[in-house]
Amino acid sequence: MFVLLDGGMGRELQRIGAPFSQPLWSAQALIEAPDAVYQAHQNFIDAGCDVITVNSYACVPFHLGEDRYRQHGFDLAELAAQIAQRAAEDSEREVRVAGCIPPVLGSYRPDLFNADIATPIIENLINAQAHYVDFWLAETIGSIEEFHTVCDALTRTTSVKPAYFAFSLMDAAMDQPRLRSGESVANAVKAACERDVDGILFNCSQPEVMLDAIGVARVIVDKHSNTISLGAYANGFSVISQDHEANDALTTVRELSADQYAAYVKAWLDAGSNIVGGCCAIFPEHIAYLDSLRKQ
């Protein structure tokens, strides 16, 4: 049996008609229509997921802008966590809440990462969500330096919770699976194992590149520990380039049916994953299909 995550909140908010535009992304609904955020969580819960992730991905200066972040960044991240907690508590079955720690200086751009700038933003997100979440999910990590920075921030928090780290992969074919930084997945997984994390995942990359990364990770994790979870949750986007400008335009969504996505997920499970779900442009219907498979 596997743990089933939710799908992509941003595009689900857009799909249900919530306010959604660049650069605010999924934070716009928090500001203008928080009930829509609850509804998006509910849609994934109804689809059968075990975990919903706090809609705090865009509660950072990169999306909010410096002024709005200074004035409202903490409050918006806290509101996002409160909404997720309420949606989970309202469910008739157990649903856990993952506190979201996004790439605070821009998705898919490890070249823009600066640990000194990122650290206080990460700590702000942790403090805003800590009271409301069951565990942490650091998402779309683009480099080993970024991983260590998030891990260090979580180590310093007084609210100790399990922590899972999801690395974003290069979408292009490579000599071996690599992070967006160009660093090897093997070295990233070794670094995560040395920090004794609770889980290593791969996310927000095309489903085609996940299987090789899981295979590499499985070998390393098995040598280190039998307690580290492994998983993947891909996006439904077209290929994302290395010079991607996240706030310039919305990334193109590809046609990826629920059964097509499930075929990839089955391969990840067969390769040793025990956590799966979806990222951007993976919708409740994809999650519902995955839930139906595990009930067979």
C-alpha atoms as a PDB file:
ATOM      1  CA  MET A   1       0.000   0.000   0.000  1.00  0.00           C
ATOM      2  CA  PHE A   2       1.275   3.464  -0.831  1.00  0.00           C
ATOM      3  CA  VAL A   3       0.699   6.946   0.542  1.00  0.00           C
ATOM      4  CA  LEU A   4      -1.225   9.105  -1.922  1.00  0.00           C
ATOM      5  CA  LEU A   5      -0.439  12.813  -2.042  1.00  0.00           C
ATOM      6  CA  ASP A   6      -2.703  15.437  -3.604  1.00  0.00           C
ATOM      7  CA  GLY A   7      -2.079  17.136  -6.947  1.00  0.00           C
ATOM      8  CA  GLY A   8      -1.144  20.638  -8.038  1.00  0.00           C
ATOM      9  CA  MET A   9      -2.982  23.334  -6.076  1.00  0.00           C
ATOM     10  CA  GLY A  10      -2.193  26.243  -8.386  1.00  0.00           C
ATOM     11  CA  ARG A  11      -3.692  24.794 -11.531  1.00  0.00           C
ATOM     12  CA  GLU A  12      -6.599  23.280  -9.595  1.00  0.00           C
ATOM     13  CA  LEU A  13      -7.419  26.764  -8.282  1.00  0.00           C
ATOM     14  CA  GLN A  14      -7.282  28.057 -11.839  1.00  0.00           C
ATOM     15  CA  ARG A  15      -9.495  25.187 -13.051  1.00  0.00           C
ATOM     16  CA  ILE A  16     -12.251  25.881 -10.519  1.00  0.00           C
ATOM     17  CA  GLY A  17     -12.310  29.571 -11.405  1.00  0.00           C
ATOM     18  CA  ALA A  18     -10.400  31.057  -8.469  1.00  0.00           C
ATOM     19  CA  PRO A  19      -8.427  34.265  -9.037  1.00  0.00           C
ATOM     20  CA  PHE A  20      -5.156  33.129 -10.578  1.00  0.00           C
ATOM     21  CA  SER A  21      -2.510  35.105 -12.436  1.00  0.00           C
ATOM     22  CA  GLN A  22       1.185  35.848 -12.470  1.00  0.00           C
ATOM     23  CA  PRO A  23       3.093  36.807 -10.435  1.00  0.00           C
ATOM     24  CA  LEU A  24       0.821  35.973  -7.472  1.00  0.00           C
ATOM     25  CA  TRP A  25       0.129  32.418  -8.672  1.00  0.00           C
ATOM     26  CA  SER A  26      -1.690  30.399  -6.011  1.00  0.00           C
ATOM     27  CA  ALA A  27      -1.364  33.180  -3.424  1.00  0.00           C
ATOM     28  CA  GLN A  28      -3.950  35.241  -5.282  1.00  0.00           C
ATOM     29  CA  ALA A  29      -6.750  32.959  -4.115  1.00  0.00           C
ATOM     30  CA  LEU A  30      -5.506  33.236  -0.528  1.00  0.00           C
ATOM     31  CA  ILE A  31      -5.782  37.009  -0.803  1.00  0.00           C
ATOM     32  CA  GLU A  32      -9.020  37.300  -2.761  1.00  0.00           C
ATOM     33  CA  ALA A  33     -10.933  34.027  -2.386  1.00  0.00           C
ATOM     34  CA  PRO A  34      -9.727  31.844   0.511  1.00  0.00           C
ATOM     35  CA  ASP A  35     -12.880  29.726   0.284  1.00  0.00           C
ATOM     36  CA  ALA A  36     -11.621  28.549  -3.104  1.00  0.00           C
ATOM     37  CA  VAL A  37      -8.442  27.266  -1.454  1.00  0.00           C
ATOM     38  CA  TYR A  38     -10.571  25.181   0.909  1.00  0.00           C
ATOM     39  CA  GLN A  39     -12.567  23.894  -2.074  1.00  0.00           C
ATOM     40  CA  ALA A  40      -9.428  22.883  -3.952  1.00  0.00           C
ATOM     41  CA  HIS A  41      -8.217  20.932  -0.926  1.00  0.00           C
ATOM     42  CA  GLN A  42     -11.665  19.346  -0.645  1.00  0.00           C
ATOM     43  CA  ASN A  43     -11.563  18.292  -4.292  1.00  0.00           C
ATOM     44  CA  PHE A  44      -8.350  16.357  -3.698  1.00  0.00           C
ATOM     45  CA  ILE A  45      -9.660  14.864  -0.456  1.00  0.00           C
ATOM     46  CA  ASP A  46     -12.785  13.721  -2.292  1.00  0.00           C
ATOM     47  CA  ALA A  47     -10.498  12.160  -4.899  1.00  0.00           C
ATOM     48  CA  GLY A  48      -8.963   9.963  -2.210  1.00  0.00           C
ATOM     49  CA  CYS A  49      -5.629  11.490  -1.276  1.00  0.00           C
ATOM     50  CA  ASP A  50      -4.085  10.803   2.131  1.00  0.00           C
ATOM     51  CA  VAL A  51      -2.184  14.083   2.307  1.00  0.00           C
ATOM     52  CA  ILE A  52      -2.977  17.666   1.362  1.00  0.00           C
ATOM     53  CA  THR A  53      -0.185  20.194   1.043  1.00  0.00           C
ATOM     54  CA  VAL A  54      -0.532  23.713   2.415  1.00  0.00           C
ATOM     55  CA  ASN A  55      -1.090  26.328  -0.302  1.00  0.00           C
ATOM     56  CA  SER A  56       1.915  28.388   0.813  1.00  0.00           C
ATOM     57  CA  TYR A  57       4.061  27.810  -2.279  1.00  0.00           C
ATOM     58  CA  ALA A  58       3.672  31.404  -3.437  1.00  0.00           C
ATOM     59  CA  CYS A  59       3.829  33.087  -0.009  1.00  0.00           C
ATOM     60  CA  VAL A  60       7.312  34.372  -0.775  1.00  0.00           C
ATOM     61  CA  PRO A  61       8.727  37.670  -2.113  1.00  0.00           C
ATOM     62  CA  PHE A  62       9.310  36.123  -5.532  1.00  0.00           C
ATOM     63  CA  HIS A  63       5.539  35.935  -6.033  1.00  0.00           C
ATOM     64  CA  LEU A  64       4.101  38.462  -3.576  1.00  0.00           C
ATOM     65  CA  GLY A  65       6.643  41.193  -4.154  1.00  0.00           C
ATOM     66  CA  GLU A  66       8.853  42.600  -1.414  1.00  0.00           C
ATOM     67  CA  ASP A  67       6.354  45.065   0.047  1.00  0.00           C
ATOM     68  CA  ARG A  68       3.400  42.675   0.241  1.00  0.00           C
ATOM     69  CA  TYR A  69       5.641  39.948   1.592  1.00  0.00           C
ATOM     70  CA  ARG A  70       6.931  42.154   4.398  1.00  0.00           C
ATOM     71  CA  GLN A  71       3.421  43.214   5.332  1.00  0.00           C
ATOM     72  CA  HIS A  72       1.465  40.004   4.789  1.00  0.00           C
ATOM     73  CA  GLY A  73       3.780  37.073   3.982  1.00  0.00           C
ATOM     74  CA  PHE A  74       3.585  35.448   7.409  1.00  0.00           C
ATOM     75  CA  ASP A  75      -0.164  35.968   7.741  1.00  0.00           C
ATOM     76  CA  LEU A  76      -0.864  34.507   4.298  1.00  0.00           C
ATOM     77  CA  ALA A  77       1.255  31.410   4.955  1.00  0.00           C
ATOM     78  CA  GLU A  78      -0.465  30.968   8.312  1.00  0.00           C
ATOM     79  CA  LEU A  79      -3.889  31.370   6.697  1.00  0.00           C
ATOM     80  CA  ALA A  80      -2.952  28.762   4.084  1.00  0.00           C
ATOM     81  CA  ALA A  81      -1.999  26.337   6.856  1.00  0.00           C
ATOM     82  CA  GLN A  82      -5.176  27.041   8.799  1.00  0.00           C
ATOM     83  CA  ILE A  83      -7.317  26.365   5.726  1.00  0.00           C
ATOM     84  CA  ALA A  84      -5.520  23.072   5.057  1.00  0.00           C
ATOM     85  CA  GLN A  85      -5.904  21.998   8.678  1.00  0.00           C
ATOM     86  CA  ARG A  86      -9.622  22.801   8.589  1.00  0.00           C
ATOM     87  CA  ALA A  87     -10.123  20.860   5.350  1.00  0.00           C
ATOM     88  CA  ALA A  88      -8.343  17.847   6.850  1.00  0.00           C
ATOM     89  CA  GLU A  89     -10.304  18.032  10.104  1.00  0.00           C
ATOM     90  CA  ASP A  90     -13.585  18.269   8.188  1.00  0.00           C
ATOM     91  CA  SER A  91     -12.831  15.055   6.318  1.00  0.00           C
ATOM     92  CA  GLU A  92     -14.640  11.890   7.384  1.00  0.00           C
ATOM     93  CA  ARG A  93     -11.385   9.945   7.125  1.00  0.00           C
ATOM     94  CA  GLU A  94      -7.840  10.662   8.252  1.00  0.00           C
ATOM     95  CA  VAL A  95      -6.069  13.195   6.075  1.00  0.00           C
ATOM     96  CA  ARG A  96      -2.659  14.558   7.011  1.00  0.00           C
ATOM     97  CA  VAL A  97      -1.383  18.055   6.295  1.00  0.00           C
ATOM     98  CA  ALA A  98       2.039  18.675   4.785  1.00  0.00           C
ATOM     99  CA  GLY A  99       3.631  22.035   5.466  1.00  0.00           C
ATOM    100  CA  CYS A 100       4.982  23.380   2.191  1.00  0.00           C
ATOM    101  CA  ILE A 101       8.485  24.824   1.895  1.00  0.00           C
ATOM    102  CA  PRO A 102       8.906  25.968  -1.715  1.00  0.00           C
ATOM    103  CA  PRO A 103      11.970  27.216  -3.610  1.00  0.00           C
ATOM    104  CA  VAL A 104      11.757  30.691  -2.103  1.00  0.00           C
ATOM    105  CA  LEU A 105      13.863  32.473  -4.734  1.00  0.00           C
ATOM    106  CA  GLY A 106      12.193  31.033  -7.815  1.00  0.00           C
ATOM    107  CA  SER A 107      11.203  27.638  -9.169  1.00  0.00           C
ATOM    108  CA  TYR A 108      13.509  25.742 -11.552  1.00  0.00           C
ATOM    109  CA  ARG A 109      16.296  28.316 -11.118  1.00  0.00           C
ATOM    110  CA  PRO A 110      18.976  27.023  -8.765  1.00  0.00           C
ATOM    111  CA  ASP A 111      21.308  29.619 -10.261  1.00  0.00           C
ATOM    112  CA  LEU A 112      19.276  32.285  -8.445  1.00  0.00           C
ATOM    113  CA  PHE A 113      19.578  30.586  -5.064  1.00  0.00           C
ATOM    114  CA  ASN A 114      21.363  32.436  -2.269  1.00  0.00           C
ATOM    115  CA  ALA A 115      21.360  30.779   1.149  1.00  0.00           C
ATOM    116  CA  ASP A 116      21.739  34.041   3.088  1.00  0.00           C
ATOM    117  CA  ILE A 117      18.697  35.551   1.392  1.00  0.00           C
ATOM    118  CA  ALA A 118      16.659  32.349   1.408  1.00  0.00           C
ATOM    119  CA  THR A 119      17.145  31.365   5.046  1.00  0.00           C
ATOM    120  CA  PRO A 120      14.973  34.021   6.751  1.00  0.00           C
ATOM    121  CA  ILE A 121      12.191  33.426   4.202  1.00  0.00           C
ATOM    122  CA  ILE A 122      12.286  29.678   4.842  1.00  0.00           C
ATOM    123  CA  GLU A 123      12.243  30.260   8.596  1.00  0.00           C
ATOM    124  CA  ASN A 124       9.244  32.579   8.210  1.00  0.00           C
ATOM    125  CA  LEU A 125       7.340  29.870   6.311  1.00  0.00           C
ATOM    126  CA  ILE A 126       8.202  27.296   8.958  1.00  0.00           C
ATOM    127  CA  ASN A 127       7.070  29.523  11.824  1.00  0.00           C
ATOM    128  CA  ALA A 128       3.829  30.431  10.053  1.00  0.00           C
ATOM    129  CA  GLN A 129       2.793  26.823   9.402  1.00  0.00           C
ATOM    130  CA  ALA A 130       4.309  24.848  12.269  1.00  0.00           C
ATOM    131  CA  HIS A 131       1.255  24.820  14.539  1.00  0.00           C
ATOM    132  CA  TYR A 132      -1.061  23.461  11.852  1.00  0.00           C
ATOM    133  CA  VAL A 133       0.845  20.759   9.958  1.00  0.00           C
ATOM    134  CA  ASP A 134       1.710  17.116  10.571  1.00  0.00           C
ATOM    135  CA  PHE A 135       5.005  17.037   8.685  1.00  0.00           C
ATOM    136  CA  TRP A 136       7.147  19.098   6.312  1.00  0.00           C
ATOM    137  CA  LEU A 137       7.431  18.762   2.559  1.00  0.00           C
ATOM    138  CA  ALA A 138      10.223  20.805   0.985  1.00  0.00           C
ATOM    139  CA  GLU A 139       9.349  20.932  -2.699  1.00  0.00           C
ATOM    140  CA  THR A 140      10.990  21.517  -6.064  1.00  0.00           C
ATOM    141  CA  ILE A 141      14.501  21.626  -4.588  1.00  0.00           C
ATOM    142  CA  GLY A 142      16.913  22.515  -7.371  1.00  0.00           C
ATOM    143  CA  SER A 143      20.338  22.007  -5.789  1.00  0.00           C
ATOM    144  CA  ILE A 144      22.137  20.266  -2.954  1.00  0.00           C
ATOM    145  CA  GLU A 145      22.913  23.654  -1.392  1.00  0.00           C
ATOM    146  CA  GLU A 146      19.216  24.468  -1.313  1.00  0.00           C
ATOM    147  CA  PHE A 147      18.506  21.103   0.318  1.00  0.00           C
ATOM    148  CA  HIS A 148      21.043  21.741   3.080  1.00  0.00           C
ATOM    149  CA  THR A 149      19.689  25.253   3.649  1.00  0.00           C
ATOM    150  CA  VAL A 150      16.135  23.992   4.159  1.00  0.00           C
ATOM    151  CA  CYS A 151      17.341  21.078   6.271  1.00  0.00           C
ATOM    152  CA  ASP A 152      19.351  23.441   8.482  1.00  0.00           C
ATOM    153  CA  ALA A 153      16.335  25.715   8.963  1.00  0.00           C
ATOM    154  CA  LEU A 154      14.143  22.797   9.958  1.00  0.00           C
ATOM    155  CA  THR A 155      16.790  21.549  12.366  1.00  0.00           C
ATOM    156  CA  ARG A 156      16.696  24.891  14.178  1.00  0.00           C
ATOM    157  CA  THR A 157      12.920  24.995  14.605  1.00  0.00           C
ATOM    158  CA  THR A 158      11.442  24.262  18.015  1.00  0.00           C
ATOM    159  CA  SER A 159       8.562  22.373  16.367  1.00  0.00           C
ATOM    160  CA  VAL A 160      10.233  19.121  15.379  1.00  0.00           C
ATOM    161  CA  LYS A 161       8.241  17.174  12.787  1.00  0.00           C
ATOM    162  CA  PRO A 162       9.074  14.566  10.142  1.00  0.00           C
ATOM    163  CA  ALA A 163      10.615  16.143   7.044  1.00  0.00           C
ATOM    164  CA  TYR A 164      10.447  14.994   3.432  1.00  0.00           C
ATOM    165  CA  PHE A 165      12.477  16.549   0.634  1.00  0.00           C
ATOM    166  CA  ALA A 166      11.429  16.579  -3.034  1.00  0.00           C
ATOM    167  CA  PHE A 167      14.053  17.331  -5.683  1.00  0.00           C
ATOM    168  CA  SER A 168      13.198  18.724  -9.111  1.00  0.00           C
ATOM    169  CA  LEU A 169      14.927  17.047 -12.056  1.00  0.00           C
ATOM    170  CA  MET A 170      16.166  18.163 -15.437  1.00  0.00           C
ATOM    171  CA  ASP A 171      13.514  17.237 -17.984  1.00  0.00           C
ATOM    172  CA  ALA A 172      15.981  16.618 -20.815  1.00  0.00           C
ATOM    173  CA  ALA A 173      17.655  13.259 -21.365  1.00  0.00           C
ATOM    174  CA  MET A 174      20.980  13.149 -19.531  1.00  0.00           C
ATOM    175  CA  ASP A 175      23.854  10.741 -18.965  1.00  0.00           C
ATOM    176  CA  GLN A 176      22.337  10.137 -15.523  1.00  0.00           C
ATOM    177  CA  PRO A 177      19.456  11.656 -13.542  1.00  0.00           C
ATOM    178  CA  ARG A 178      20.335  15.198 -12.509  1.00  0.00           C
ATOM    179  CA  LEU A 179      18.857  18.012 -10.466  1.00  0.00           C
ATOM    180  CA  ARG A 180      18.043  21.337 -12.101  1.00  0.00           C
ATOM    181  CA  SER A 181      21.485  22.479 -10.920  1.00  0.00           C
ATOM    182  CA  GLY A 182      23.161  19.770 -12.987  1.00  0.00           C
ATOM    183  CA  GLU A 183      24.256  17.926  -9.848  1.00  0.00           C
ATOM    184  CA  SER A 184      23.678  14.197  -9.906  1.00  0.00           C
ATOM    185  CA  VAL A 185      20.689  12.633  -8.200  1.00  0.00           C
ATOM    186  CA  ALA A 186      23.117  10.153  -6.670  1.00  0.00           C
ATOM    187  CA  ASN A 187      24.980  12.912  -4.824  1.00  0.00           C
ATOM    188  CA  ALA A 188      21.724  14.577  -3.738  1.00  0.00           C
ATOM    189  CA  VAL A 189      20.377  11.306  -2.348  1.00  0.00           C
ATOM    190  CA  LYS A 190      23.650  10.607  -0.538  1.00  0.00           C
ATOM    191  CA  ALA A 191      23.462  14.080   1.041  1.00  0.00           C
ATOM    192  CA  ALA A 192      19.873  13.454   2.137  1.00  0.00           C
ATOM    193  CA  CYS A 193      20.749  10.070   3.602  1.00  0.00           C
ATOM    194  CA  GLU A 194      23.617  11.618   5.561  1.00  0.00           C
ATOM    195  CA  ARG A 195      21.112  14.035   7.099  1.00  0.00           C
ATOM    196  CA  ASP A 196      18.799  11.119   8.019  1.00  0.00           C
ATOM    197  CA  VAL A 197      15.747  12.634   6.378  1.00  0.00           C
ATOM    198  CA  ASP A 198      12.392  10.906   6.623  1.00  0.00           C
ATOM    199  CA  GLY A 199      11.753  10.811   2.901  1.00  0.00           C
ATOM    200  CA  ILE A 200      13.343  11.533  -0.476  1.00  0.00           C
ATOM    201  CA  LEU A 201      11.059  12.371  -3.379  1.00  0.00           C
ATOM    202  CA  PHE A 202      11.223  13.807  -6.874  1.00  0.00           C
ATOM    203  CA  ASN A 203       8.670  16.359  -8.047  1.00  0.00           C
ATOM    204  CA  CYS A 204       7.653  19.026 -10.533  1.00  0.00           C
ATOM    205  CA  SER A 205       9.426  17.415 -13.468  1.00  0.00           C
ATOM    206  CA  GLN A 206       8.037  15.426 -16.345  1.00  0.00           C
ATOM    207  CA  PRO A 207       6.948  11.886 -15.447  1.00  0.00           C
ATOM    208  CA  GLU A 208       9.319  10.403 -18.003  1.00  0.00           C
ATOM    209  CA  VAL A 209      12.416  11.355 -15.968  1.00  0.00           C
ATOM    210  CA  MET A 210      11.241  10.108 -12.593  1.00  0.00           C
ATOM    211  CA  LEU A 211      11.853   6.370 -12.976  1.00  0.00           C
ATOM    212  CA  ASP A 212      15.616   6.563 -13.471  1.00  0.00           C
ATOM    213  CA  ALA A 213      15.931   8.889 -10.476  1.00  0.00           C
ATOM    214  CA  ILE A 214      13.956   6.495  -8.306  1.00  0.00           C
ATOM    215  CA  GLY A 215      16.146   3.621  -9.423  1.00  0.00           C
ATOM    216  CA  VAL A 216      19.316   5.475  -8.465  1.00  0.00           C
ATOM    217  CA  ALA A 217      17.816   6.567  -5.149  1.00  0.00           C
ATOM    218  CA  ARG A 218      16.553   3.102  -4.271  1.00  0.00           C
ATOM    219  CA  VAL A 219      20.044   1.585  -4.436  1.00  0.00           C
ATOM    220  CA  ILE A 220      21.582   4.301  -2.251  1.00  0.00           C
ATOM    221  CA  VAL A 221      18.742   4.379   0.268  1.00  0.00           C
ATOM    222  CA  ASP A 222      18.798   0.599   0.656  1.00  0.00           C
ATOM    223  CA  LYS A 223      22.491   0.731   1.560  1.00  0.00           C
ATOM    224  CA  HIS A 224      21.919   3.505   4.096  1.00  0.00           C
ATOM    225  CA  SER A 225      18.612   2.866   5.812  1.00  0.00           C
ATOM    226  CA  ASN A 226      15.399   0.908   5.479  1.00  0.00           C
ATOM    227  CA  THR A 227      13.381   3.672   7.143  1.00  0.00           C
ATOM    228  CA  ILE A 228      13.670   6.437   4.508  1.00  0.00           C
ATOM    229  CA  SER A 229      10.583   6.681   2.320  1.00  0.00           C
ATOM    230  CA  LEU A 230      10.961   7.170  -1.410  1.00  0.00           C
ATOM    231  CA  GLY A 231       8.523   8.653  -3.870  1.00  0.00           C
ATOM    232  CA  ALA A 232       7.638  10.865  -6.809  1.00  0.00           C
ATOM    233  CA  TYR A 233       4.979  13.269  -7.967  1.00  0.00           C
ATOM    234  CA  ALA A 234       5.403  14.652 -11.465  1.00  0.00           C
ATOM    235  CA  ASN A 235       3.900  17.650 -13.224  1.00  0.00           C
ATOM    236  CA  GLY A 236       1.780  17.809 -16.338  1.00  0.00           C
ATOM    237  CA  PHE A 237       3.848  20.544 -17.972  1.00  0.00           C
ATOM    238  CA  SER A 238       5.807  20.671 -21.172  1.00  0.00           C
ATOM    239  CA  VAL A 239       9.610  20.660 -20.877  1.00  0.00           C
ATOM    240  CA  ILE A 240      10.901  23.429 -18.582  1.00  0.00           C
ATOM    241  CA  SER A 241      14.107  25.065 -19.807  1.00  0.00           C
ATOM    242  CA  GLN A 242      17.063  25.980 -17.609  1.00  0.00           C
ATOM    243  CA  ASP A 243      16.505  29.703 -18.199  1.00  0.00           C
ATOM    244  CA  HIS A 244      12.808  29.496 -17.320  1.00  0.00           C
ATOM    245  CA  GLU A 245      11.299  32.800 -16.152  1.00  0.00           C
ATOM    246  CA  ALA A 246       8.626  31.644 -13.738  1.00  0.00           C
ATOM    247  CA  ASN A 247       6.738  34.928 -13.476  1.00  0.00           C
ATOM    248  CA  ASP A 248       6.756  35.812 -17.171  1.00  0.00           C
ATOM    249  CA  ALA A 249       4.037  33.470 -18.419  1.00  0.00           C
ATOM    250  CA  LEU A 250       2.151  30.323 -17.452  1.00  0.00           C
ATOM    251  CA  THR A 251       3.897  27.104 -18.388  1.00  0.00           C
ATOM    252  CA  THR A 252       2.174  25.109 -21.113  1.00  0.00           C
ATOM    253  CA  VAL A 253       0.134  22.138 -19.908  1.00  0.00           C
ATOM    254  CA  ARG A 254       0.413  18.920 -21.902  1.00  0.00           C
ATOM    255  CA  GLU A 255      -2.355  16.406 -22.483  1.00  0.00           C
ATOM    256  CA  LEU A 256      -1.877  13.696 -19.875  1.00  0.00           C
ATOM    257  CA  SER A 257      -4.879  11.534 -19.079  1.00  0.00           C
ATOM    258  CA  ALA A 258      -5.444   9.849 -15.735  1.00  0.00           C
ATOM    259  CA  ASP A 259      -4.632   6.396 -17.085  1.00  0.00           C
ATOM    260  CA  GLN A 260      -1.509   7.651 -18.865  1.00  0.00           C
ATOM    261  CA  TYR A 261      -0.253   9.243 -15.667  1.00  0.00           C
ATOM    262  CA  ALA A 262      -1.110   6.107 -13.702  1.00  0.00           C
ATOM    263  CA  ALA A 263       1.097   4.033 -15.996  1.00  0.00           C
ATOM    264  CA  TYR A 264       4.084   6.121 -14.929  1.00  0.00           C
ATOM    265  CA  VAL A 265       3.084   5.909 -11.284  1.00  0.00           C
ATOM    266  CA  LYS A 266       2.812   2.120 -11.434  1.00  0.00           C
ATOM    267  CA  ALA A 267       6.402   1.976 -12.676  1.00  0.00           C
ATOM    268  CA  TRP A 268       7.554   4.195  -9.784  1.00  0.00           C
ATOM    269  CA  LEU A 269       5.812   1.920  -7.319  1.00  0.00           C
ATOM    270  CA  ASP A 270       7.330  -1.166  -8.902  1.00  0.00           C
ATOM    271  CA  ALA A 271      10.761   0.497  -8.597  1.00  0.00           C
ATOM    272  CA  GLY A 272      10.359   0.892  -4.858  1.00  0.00           C
ATOM    273  CA  SER A 273       8.405   4.072  -4.194  1.00  0.00           C
ATOM    274  CA  ASN A 274       5.872   4.175  -1.381  1.00  0.00           C
ATOM    275  CA  ILE A 275       4.724   7.803  -1.765  1.00  0.00           C
ATOM    276  CA  VAL A 276       3.152   9.058  -4.995  1.00  0.00           C
ATOM    277  CA  GLY A 277       0.886  11.871  -6.095  1.00  0.00           C
ATOM    278  CA  GLY A 278       0.876  14.778  -8.484  1.00  0.00           C
ATOM    279  CA  CYS A 279       2.354  18.221  -8.910  1.00  0.00           C
ATOM    280  CA  CYS A 280       1.387  21.105 -11.234  1.00  0.00           C
ATOM    281  CA  ALA A 281      -1.416  20.266 -13.696  1.00  0.00           C
ATOM    282  CA  ILE A 282      -2.142  16.914 -12.070  1.00  0.00           C
ATOM    283  CA  PHE A 283      -5.780  17.204 -11.092  1.00  0.00           C
ATOM    284  CA  PRO A 284      -8.260  15.421  -8.800  1.00  0.00           C
ATOM    285  CA  GLU A 285      -9.243  13.041 -11.592  1.00  0.00           C
ATOM    286  CA  HIS A 286      -5.632  11.812 -11.768  1.00  0.00           C
ATOM    287  CA  ILE A 287      -5.554  11.299  -8.013  1.00  0.00           C
ATOM    288  CA  ALA A 288      -8.938   9.554  -8.017  1.00  0.00           C
ATOM    289  CA  TYR A 289      -7.692   7.123 -10.654  1.00  0.00           C
ATOM    290  CA  LEU A 290      -4.625   6.313  -8.538  1.00  0.00           C
ATOM    291  CA  ASP A 291      -6.837   5.794  -5.501  1.00  0.00           C
ATOM    292  CA  SER A 292      -9.021   3.402  -7.481  1.00  0.00           C
ATOM    293  CA  LEU A 293      -5.977   1.328  -8.421  1.00  0.00           C
ATOM    294  CA  ARG A 294      -4.915   0.729  -4.855  1.00  0.00           C
ATOM    295  CA  LYS A 295      -8.439  -0.385  -3.959  1.00  0.00           C
ATOM    296  CA  GLN A 296      -8.461  -3.084  -6.595  1.00  0.00           C
END
